[in-house]
PDB file of N, CA and C in Angstrom:
ATOM      1  N   MET A   1      11.301   9.281 -11.161  1.00  0.00           N
ATOM      2  CA  MET A   1      10.137   8.592 -11.716  1.00  0.00           C
ATOM      3  C   MET A   1       9.437   7.845 -10.597  1.00  0.00           C
ATOM      4  N   GLU A   2       8.141   8.051 -10.502  1.00  0.00           N
ATOM      5  CA  GLU A   2       7.401   7.360  -9.462  1.00  0.00           C
ATOM      6  C   GLU A   2       6.993   5.983  -9.940  1.00  0.00           C
ATOM      7  N   HIS A   3       7.240   5.017  -9.107  1.00  0.00           N
ATOM      8  CA  HIS A   3       6.891   3.620  -9.369  1.00  0.00           C
ATOM      9  C   HIS A   3       5.385   3.467  -9.168  1.00  0.00           C
ATOM     10  N   PRO A   4       4.745   2.527  -9.871  1.00  0.00           N
ATOM     11  CA  PRO A   4       3.310   2.314  -9.650  1.00  0.00           C
ATOM     12  C   PRO A   4       2.987   2.025  -8.184  1.00  0.00           C
ATOM     13  N   GLY A   5       3.968   1.575  -7.433  1.00  0.00           N
ATOM     14  CA  GLY A   5       3.766   1.317  -6.011  1.00  0.00           C
ATOM     15  C   GLY A   5       3.789   2.584  -5.181  1.00  0.00           C
ATOM     16  N   GLY A   6       4.049   3.737  -5.820  1.00  0.00           N
ATOM     17  CA  GLY A   6       3.981   5.005  -5.127  1.00  0.00           C
ATOM     18  C   GLY A   6       5.284   5.503  -4.565  1.00  0.00           C
ATOM     19  N   TYR A   7       6.407   4.965  -4.990  1.00  0.00           N
ATOM     20  CA  TYR A   7       7.692   5.437  -4.490  1.00  0.00           C
ATOM     21  C   TYR A   7       8.610   5.773  -5.656  1.00  0.00           C
ATOM     22  N   ASP A   8       9.660   6.519  -5.365  1.00  0.00           N
ATOM     23  CA  ASP A   8      10.608   6.971  -6.383  1.00  0.00           C
ATOM     24  C   ASP A   8      11.537   5.821  -6.756  1.00  0.00           C
ATOM     25  N   SER A   9      11.327   5.223  -7.914  1.00  0.00           N
ATOM     26  CA  SER A   9      12.136   4.079  -8.331  1.00  0.00           C
ATOM     27  C   SER A   9      13.551   4.486  -8.729  1.00  0.00           C
ATOM     28  N   ASN A  10      13.796   5.779  -8.876  1.00  0.00           N
ATOM     29  CA  ASN A  10      15.140   6.257  -9.208  1.00  0.00           C
ATOM     30  C   ASN A  10      15.920   6.705  -7.981  1.00  0.00           C
ATOM     31  N   ALA A  11      15.335   6.581  -6.812  1.00  0.00           N
ATOM     32  CA  ALA A  11      16.056   6.947  -5.586  1.00  0.00           C
ATOM     33  C   ALA A  11      17.267   6.028  -5.458  1.00  0.00           C
ATOM     34  N   PRO A  12      18.364   6.556  -4.910  1.00  0.00           N
ATOM     35  CA  PRO A  12      19.564   5.714  -4.793  1.00  0.00           C
ATOM     36  C   PRO A  12      19.323   4.537  -3.851  1.00  0.00           C
ATOM     37  N   ARG A  13      20.011   3.467  -4.119  1.00  0.00           N
ATOM     38  CA  ARG A  13      19.919   2.291  -3.259  1.00  0.00           C
ATOM     39  C   ARG A  13      20.757   2.526  -2.015  1.00  0.00           C
ATOM     40  N   LYS A  14      20.339   1.920  -0.918  1.00  0.00           N
ATOM     41  CA  LYS A  14      21.048   2.066   0.345  1.00  0.00           C
ATOM     42  C   LYS A  14      21.277   0.680   0.924  1.00  0.00           C
ATOM     43  N   ALA A  15      22.525   0.380   1.234  1.00  0.00           N
ATOM     44  CA  ALA A  15      22.850  -0.906   1.843  1.00  0.00           C
ATOM     45  C   ALA A  15      22.279  -0.947   3.255  1.00  0.00           C
ATOM     46  N   THR A  16      21.828  -2.123   3.647  1.00  0.00           N
ATOM     47  CA  THR A  16      21.284  -2.305   4.994  1.00  0.00           C
ATOM     48  C   THR A  16      21.602  -3.713   5.468  1.00  0.00           C
ATOM     49  N   ASN A  17      21.575  -3.916   6.750  1.00  0.00           N
ATOM     50  CA  ASN A  17      21.811  -5.247   7.313  1.00  0.00           C
ATOM     51  C   ASN A  17      20.484  -5.832   7.766  1.00  0.00           C
ATOM     52  N   LEU A  18      20.256  -7.071   7.392  1.00  0.00           N
ATOM     53  CA  LEU A  18      19.043  -7.773   7.789  1.00  0.00           C
ATOM     54  C   LEU A  18      19.425  -9.113   8.386  1.00  0.00           C
ATOM     55  N   SER A  19      18.633  -9.584   9.301  1.00  0.00           N
ATOM     56  CA  SER A  19      18.796 -10.937   9.816  1.00  0.00           C
ATOM     57  C   SER A  19      17.755 -11.807   9.145  1.00  0.00           C
ATOM     58  N   VAL A  20      18.218 -12.917   8.574  1.00  0.00           N
ATOM     59  CA  VAL A  20      17.335 -13.802   7.822  1.00  0.00           C
ATOM     60  C   VAL A  20      17.595 -15.231   8.268  1.00  0.00           C
ATOM     61  N   ASN A  21      16.552 -16.024   8.296  1.00  0.00           N
ATOM     62  CA  ASN A  21      16.688 -17.440   8.612  1.00  0.00           C
ATOM     63  C   ASN A  21      17.713 -18.055   7.666  1.00  0.00           C
ATOM     64  N   SER A  22      18.751 -18.693   8.202  1.00  0.00           N
ATOM     65  CA  SER A  22      19.861 -19.187   7.391  1.00  0.00           C
ATOM     66  C   SER A  22      19.436 -20.271   6.403  1.00  0.00           C
ATOM     67  N   ASP A  23      18.516 -21.134   6.787  1.00  0.00           N
ATOM     68  CA  ASP A  23      18.057 -22.177   5.870  1.00  0.00           C
ATOM     69  C   ASP A  23      17.290 -21.567   4.709  1.00  0.00           C
ATOM     70  N   LEU A  24      16.420 -20.621   5.026  1.00  0.00           N
ATOM     71  CA  LEU A  24      15.651 -19.956   3.982  1.00  0.00           C
ATOM     72  C   LEU A  24      16.573 -19.200   3.029  1.00  0.00           C
ATOM     73  N   LEU A  25      17.582 -18.539   3.579  1.00  0.00           N
ATOM     74  CA  LEU A  25      18.542 -17.810   2.757  1.00  0.00           C
ATOM     75  C   LEU A  25      19.296 -18.756   1.833  1.00  0.00           C
ATOM     76  N   ALA A  26      19.750 -19.873   2.347  1.00  0.00           N
ATOM     77  CA  ALA A  26      20.480 -20.849   1.536  1.00  0.00           C
ATOM     78  C   ALA A  26      19.601 -21.388   0.410  1.00  0.00           C
ATOM     79  N   ARG A  27      18.343 -21.666   0.709  1.00  0.00           N
ATOM     80  CA  ARG A  27      17.429 -22.173  -0.318  1.00  0.00           C
ATOM     81  C   ARG A  27      17.177 -21.124  -1.391  1.00  0.00           C
ATOM     82  N   ALA A  28      17.006 -19.870  -0.987  1.00  0.00           N
ATOM     83  CA  ALA A  28      16.777 -18.790  -1.961  1.00  0.00           C
ATOM     84  C   ALA A  28      17.999 -18.621  -2.859  1.00  0.00           C
ATOM     85  N   ARG A  29      19.178 -18.647  -2.262  1.00  0.00           N
ATOM     86  CA  ARG A  29      20.404 -18.507  -3.058  1.00  0.00           C
ATOM     87  C   ARG A  29      20.574 -19.666  -4.027  1.00  0.00           C
ATOM     88  N   ALA A  30      20.233 -20.881  -3.587  1.00  0.00           N
ATOM     89  CA  ALA A  30      20.332 -22.054  -4.463  1.00  0.00           C
ATOM     90  C   ALA A  30      19.400 -21.925  -5.664  1.00  0.00           C
ATOM     91  N   LEU A  31      18.324 -21.170  -5.498  1.00  0.00           N
ATOM     92  CA  LEU A  31      17.359 -20.962  -6.578  1.00  0.00           C
ATOM     93  C   LEU A  31      17.638 -19.679  -7.360  1.00  0.00           C
ATOM     94  N   ASN A  32      18.772 -19.035  -7.061  1.00  0.00           N
ATOM     95  CA  ASN A  32      19.171 -17.783  -7.728  1.00  0.00           C
ATOM     96  C   ASN A  32      18.109 -16.697  -7.620  1.00  0.00           C
ATOM     97  N   ILE A  33      17.468 -16.614  -6.461  1.00  0.00           N
ATOM     98  CA  ILE A  33      16.467 -15.578  -6.227  1.00  0.00           C
ATOM     99  C   ILE A  33      17.183 -14.275  -5.902  1.00  0.00           C
ATOM    100  N   ASN A  34      16.791 -13.210  -6.575  1.00  0.00           N
ATOM    101  CA  ASN A  34      17.368 -11.893  -6.327  1.00  0.00           C
ATOM    102  C   ASN A  34      16.742 -11.348  -5.046  1.00  0.00           C
ATOM    103  N   LEU A  35      17.490 -11.454  -3.962  1.00  0.00           N
ATOM    104  CA  LEU A  35      16.963 -11.082  -2.653  1.00  0.00           C
ATOM    105  C   LEU A  35      16.601  -9.608  -2.577  1.00  0.00           C
ATOM    106  N   SER A  36      17.432  -8.755  -3.157  1.00  0.00           N
ATOM    107  CA  SER A  36      17.147  -7.317  -3.105  1.00  0.00           C
ATOM    108  C   SER A  36      15.840  -7.001  -3.810  1.00  0.00           C
ATOM    109  N   ARG A  37      15.621  -7.599  -4.974  1.00  0.00           N
ATOM    110  CA  ARG A  37      14.393  -7.338  -5.729  1.00  0.00           C
ATOM    111  C   ARG A  37      13.169  -7.843  -4.968  1.00  0.00           C
ATOM    112  N   VAL A  38      13.266  -9.064  -4.443  1.00  0.00           N
ATOM    113  CA  VAL A  38      12.138  -9.638  -3.707  1.00  0.00           C
ATOM    114  C   VAL A  38      11.830  -8.798  -2.474  1.00  0.00           C
ATOM    115  N   PHE A  39      12.868  -8.419  -1.736  1.00  0.00           N
ATOM    116  CA  PHE A  39      12.657  -7.612  -0.539  1.00  0.00           C
ATOM    117  C   PHE A  39      12.015  -6.280  -0.892  1.00  0.00           C
ATOM    118  N   GLU A  40      12.533  -5.623  -1.931  1.00  0.00           N
ATOM    119  CA  GLU A  40      12.000  -4.319  -2.322  1.00  0.00           C
ATOM    120  C   GLU A  40      10.542  -4.417  -2.763  1.00  0.00           C
ATOM    121  N   GLN A  41      10.221  -5.429  -3.549  1.00  0.00           N
ATOM    122  CA  GLN A  41       8.836  -5.601  -4.008  1.00  0.00           C
ATOM    123  C   GLN A  41       7.900  -5.859  -2.832  1.00  0.00           C
ATOM    124  N   ARG A  42       8.292  -6.737  -1.950  1.00  0.00           N
ATOM    125  CA  ARG A  42       7.426  -7.064  -0.807  1.00  0.00           C
ATOM    126  C   ARG A  42       7.333  -5.894   0.160  1.00  0.00           C
ATOM    127  N   LEU A  43       8.450  -5.196   0.362  1.00  0.00           N
ATOM    128  CA  LEU A  43       8.424  -4.031   1.237  1.00  0.00           C
ATOM    129  C   LEU A  43       7.482  -2.970   0.690  1.00  0.00           C
ATOM    130  N   ALA A  44       7.484  -2.769  -0.631  1.00  0.00           N
ATOM    131  CA  ALA A  44       6.575  -1.806  -1.247  1.00  0.00           C
ATOM    132  C   ALA A  44       5.122  -2.197  -0.985  1.00  0.00           C
ATOM    133  N   GLU A  45       4.812  -3.483  -1.057  1.00  0.00           N
ATOM    134  CA  GLU A  45       3.454  -3.957  -0.780  1.00  0.00           C
ATOM    135  C   GLU A  45       3.068  -3.692   0.679  1.00  0.00           C
ATOM    136  N   VAL A  46       3.975  -3.987   1.593  1.00  0.00           N
ATOM    137  CA  VAL A  46       3.703  -3.809   3.019  1.00  0.00           C
ATOM    138  C   VAL A  46       3.528  -2.327   3.342  1.00  0.00           C
ATOM    139  N   VAL A  47       4.390  -1.480   2.765  1.00  0.00           N
ATOM    140  CA  VAL A  47       4.288  -0.032   2.989  1.00  0.00           C
ATOM    141  C   VAL A  47       2.966   0.491   2.436  1.00  0.00           C
ATOM    142  N   ARG A  48       2.613   0.078   1.225  1.00  0.00           N
ATOM    143  CA  ARG A  48       1.359   0.527   0.605  1.00  0.00           C
ATOM    144  C   ARG A  48       0.150   0.140   1.474  1.00  0.00           C
ATOM    145  N   GLU A  49       0.146  -1.087   1.993  1.00  0.00           N
ATOM    146  CA  GLU A  49      -0.961  -1.545   2.838  1.00  0.00           C
ATOM    147  C   GLU A  49      -0.998  -0.765   4.151  1.00  0.00           C
ATOM    148  N   ALA A  50       0.154  -0.517   4.754  1.00  0.00           N
ATOM    149  CA  ALA A  50       0.200   0.250   6.004  1.00  0.00           C
ATOM    150  C   ALA A  50      -0.267   1.683   5.773  1.00  0.00           C
ATOM    151  N   GLU A  51       0.116   2.277   4.643  1.00  0.00           N
ATOM    152  CA  GLU A  51      -0.340   3.634   4.327  1.00  0.00           C
ATOM    153  C   GLU A  51      -1.850   3.666   4.084  1.00  0.00           C
ATOM    154  N   ARG A  52      -2.374   2.639   3.439  1.00  0.00           N
ATOM    155  CA  ARG A  52      -3.824   2.554   3.207  1.00  0.00           C
ATOM    156  C   ARG A  52      -4.559   2.457   4.539  1.00  0.00           C
ATOM    157  N   GLU A  53      -4.067   1.593   5.417  1.00  0.00           N
ATOM    158  CA  GLU A  53      -4.691   1.445   6.730  1.00  0.00           C
ATOM    159  C   GLU A  53      -4.631   2.750   7.522  1.00  0.00           C
ATOM    160  N   ARG A  54      -3.512   3.462   7.448  1.00  0.00           N
ATOM    161  CA  ARG A  54      -3.390   4.748   8.142  1.00  0.00           C
ATOM    162  C   ARG A  54      -4.386   5.748   7.565  1.00  0.00           C
ATOM    163  N   TRP A  55      -4.522   5.777   6.224  1.00  0.00           N
ATOM    164  CA  TRP A  55      -5.458   6.704   5.583  1.00  0.00           C
ATOM    165  C   TRP A  55      -6.879   6.426   6.064  1.00  0.00           C
ATOM    166  N   VAL A  56      -7.247   5.148   6.110  1.00  0.00           N
ATOM    167  CA  VAL A  56      -8.591   4.784   6.570  1.00  0.00           C
ATOM    168  C   VAL A  56      -8.800   5.239   8.006  1.00  0.00           C
ATOM    169  N   ARG A  57      -7.824   4.981   8.887  1.00  0.00           N
ATOM    170  CA  ARG A  57      -7.934   5.415  10.294  1.00  0.00           C
ATOM    171  C   ARG A  57      -8.101   6.926  10.380  1.00  0.00           C
ATOM    172  N   GLU A  58      -7.283   7.658   9.616  1.00  0.00           N
ATOM    173  CA  GLU A  58      -7.311   9.118   9.677  1.00  0.00           C
ATOM    174  C   GLU A  58      -8.585   9.708   9.086  1.00  0.00           C
ATOM    175  N   ASN A  59      -9.250   8.980   8.209  1.00  0.00           N
ATOM    176  CA  ASN A  59     -10.417   9.515   7.514  1.00  0.00           C
ATOM    177  C   ASN A  59     -11.726   8.839   7.888  1.00  0.00           C
ATOM    178  N   THR A  60     -11.698   7.957   8.860  1.00  0.00           N
ATOM    179  CA  THR A  60     -12.899   7.223   9.252  1.00  0.00           C
ATOM    180  C   THR A  60     -14.030   8.157   9.658  1.00  0.00           C
ATOM    181  N   ALA A  61     -13.727   9.172  10.456  1.00  0.00           N
ATOM    182  CA  ALA A  61     -14.780  10.086  10.919  1.00  0.00           C
ATOM    183  C   ALA A  61     -15.426  10.814   9.738  1.00  0.00           C
ATOM    184  N   ALA A  62     -14.615  11.286   8.806  1.00  0.00           N
ATOM    185  CA  ALA A  62     -15.150  12.000   7.648  1.00  0.00           C
ATOM    186  C   ALA A  62     -15.998  11.070   6.777  1.00  0.00           C
ATOM    187  N   ILE A  63     -15.553   9.848   6.593  1.00  0.00           N
ATOM    188  CA  ILE A  63     -16.304   8.879   5.790  1.00  0.00           C
ATOM    189  C   ILE A  63     -17.640   8.565   6.458  1.00  0.00           C
ATOM    190  N   GLU A  64     -17.614   8.367   7.774  1.00  0.00           N
ATOM    191  CA  GLU A  64     -18.856   8.087   8.491  1.00  0.00           C
ATOM    192  C   GLU A  64     -19.809   9.277   8.434  1.00  0.00           C
ATOM    193  N   ASP A  65     -19.290  10.505   8.576  1.00  0.00           N
ATOM    194  CA  ASP A  65     -20.123  11.708   8.468  1.00  0.00           C
ATOM    195  C   ASP A  65     -20.759  11.802   7.085  1.00  0.00           C
ATOM    196  N   TYR A  66     -19.962  11.561   6.048  1.00  0.00           N
ATOM    197  CA  TYR A  66     -20.468  11.621   4.676  1.00  0.00           C
ATOM    198  C   TYR A  66     -21.566  10.577   4.461  1.00  0.00           C
ATOM    199  N   ASN A  67     -21.308   9.346   4.896  1.00  0.00           N
ATOM    200  CA  ASN A  67     -22.301   8.277   4.722  1.00  0.00           C
ATOM    201  C   ASN A  67     -23.591   8.594   5.473  1.00  0.00           C
ATOM    202  N   ALA A  68     -23.476   9.158   6.673  1.00  0.00           N
ATOM    203  CA  ALA A  68     -24.667   9.523   7.441  1.00  0.00           C
ATOM    204  C   ALA A  68     -25.444  10.626   6.723  1.00  0.00           C
ATOM    205  N   ARG A  69     -24.730  11.616   6.161  1.00  0.00           N
ATOM    206  CA  ARG A  69     -25.393  12.712   5.450  1.00  0.00           C
ATOM    207  C   ARG A  69     -26.100  12.184   4.200  1.00  0.00           C
ATOM    208  N   VAL A  70     -25.457  11.294   3.462  1.00  0.00           N
ATOM    209  CA  VAL A  70     -26.084  10.728   2.259  1.00  0.00           C
ATOM    210  C   VAL A  70     -27.301   9.892   2.648  1.00  0.00           C
ATOM    211  N   ALA A  71     -27.208   9.135   3.730  1.00  0.00           N
ATOM    212  CA  ALA A  71     -28.345   8.327   4.179  1.00  0.00           C
ATOM    213  C   ALA A  71     -29.517   9.219   4.584  1.00  0.00           C
ATOM    214  N   GLU A  72     -29.198  10.366   5.152  1.00  0.00           N
ATOM    215  CA  GLU A  72     -30.236  11.273   5.636  1.00  0.00           C
ATOM    216  C   GLU A  72     -30.805  12.157   4.520  1.00  0.00           C
ATOM    217  N   GLU A  73     -29.922  12.700   3.684  1.00  0.00           N
ATOM    218  CA  GLU A  73     -30.331  13.696   2.693  1.00  0.00           C
ATOM    219  C   GLU A  73     -30.281  13.206   1.253  1.00  0.00           C
ATOM    220  N   GLY A  74     -29.682  12.037   1.020  1.00  0.00           N
ATOM    221  CA  GLY A  74     -29.481  11.564  -0.343  1.00  0.00           C
ATOM    222  C   GLY A  74     -28.210  12.177  -0.921  1.00  0.00           C
ATOM    223  N   SER A  75     -27.855  11.739  -2.106  1.00  0.00           N
ATOM    224  CA  SER A  75     -26.647  12.278  -2.733  1.00  0.00           C
ATOM    225  C   SER A  75     -27.017  13.382  -3.722  1.00  0.00           C
ATOM    226  N   PHE A  76     -26.025  14.126  -4.147  1.00  0.00           N
ATOM    227  CA  PHE A  76     -26.215  15.257  -5.043  1.00  0.00           C
ATOM    228  C   PHE A  76     -26.999  14.868  -6.302  1.00  0.00           C
ATOM    229  N   GLY A  77     -26.655  13.752  -6.907  1.00  0.00           N
ATOM    230  CA  GLY A  77     -27.273  13.370  -8.161  1.00  0.00           C
ATOM    231  C   GLY A  77     -28.647  12.741  -8.060  1.00  0.00           C
ATOM    232  N   ASP A  78     -29.115  12.457  -6.861  1.00  0.00           N
ATOM    233  CA  ASP A  78     -30.419  11.805  -6.706  1.00  0.00           C
ATOM    234  C   ASP A  78     -31.547  12.607  -7.333  1.00  0.00           C
ATOM    235  N   LYS A  79     -31.492  13.923  -7.235  1.00  0.00           N
ATOM    236  CA  LYS A  79     -32.567  14.775  -7.758  1.00  0.00           C
ATOM    237  C   LYS A  79     -32.550  14.866  -9.290  1.00  0.00           C
ATOM    238  N   LEU A  80     -31.406  14.571  -9.877  1.00  0.00           N
ATOM    239  CA  LEU A  80     -31.259  14.675 -11.337  1.00  0.00           C
ATOM    240  C   LEU A  80     -31.490  13.350 -12.044  1.00  0.00           C
ATOM    241  N   ARG A  81     -31.467  12.280 -11.281  1.00  0.00           N
ATOM    242  CA  ARG A  81     -31.569  10.946 -11.859  1.00  0.00           C
ATOM    243  C   ARG A  81     -32.957  10.699 -12.427  1.00  0.00           C
ATOM    244  N   ARG A  82     -33.034  10.028 -13.581  1.00  0.00           N
ATOM    245  CA  ARG A  82     -34.304   9.751 -14.232  1.00  0.00           C
ATOM    246  C   ARG A  82     -34.684   8.276 -14.204  1.00  0.00           C
ATOM    247  N   PHE A  83     -33.997   7.488 -13.391  1.00  0.00           N
ATOM    248  CA  PHE A  83     -34.330   6.056 -13.316  1.00  0.00           C
ATOM    249  C   PHE A  83     -34.617   5.643 -11.908  1.00  0.00           C
TER     250      PHE A  83
END
């Protein structure tokens, strides 16, 4: 099942080692914050933003070409529009 964030939410979990500020970790634990959930949610946001930025970089030339063509020739629907 794909998560709204664009990843497979049914993929198996994988243990990993992270280094975290000890004071911040102690405060989060004292507040019963689910570190795995918070990390996964934030990581999904960071990945989504990085993928968006990559898409924009990869498609900038095509977007600029399209915008230049529309500025020069108008868009497809301009001739059909009645307003």
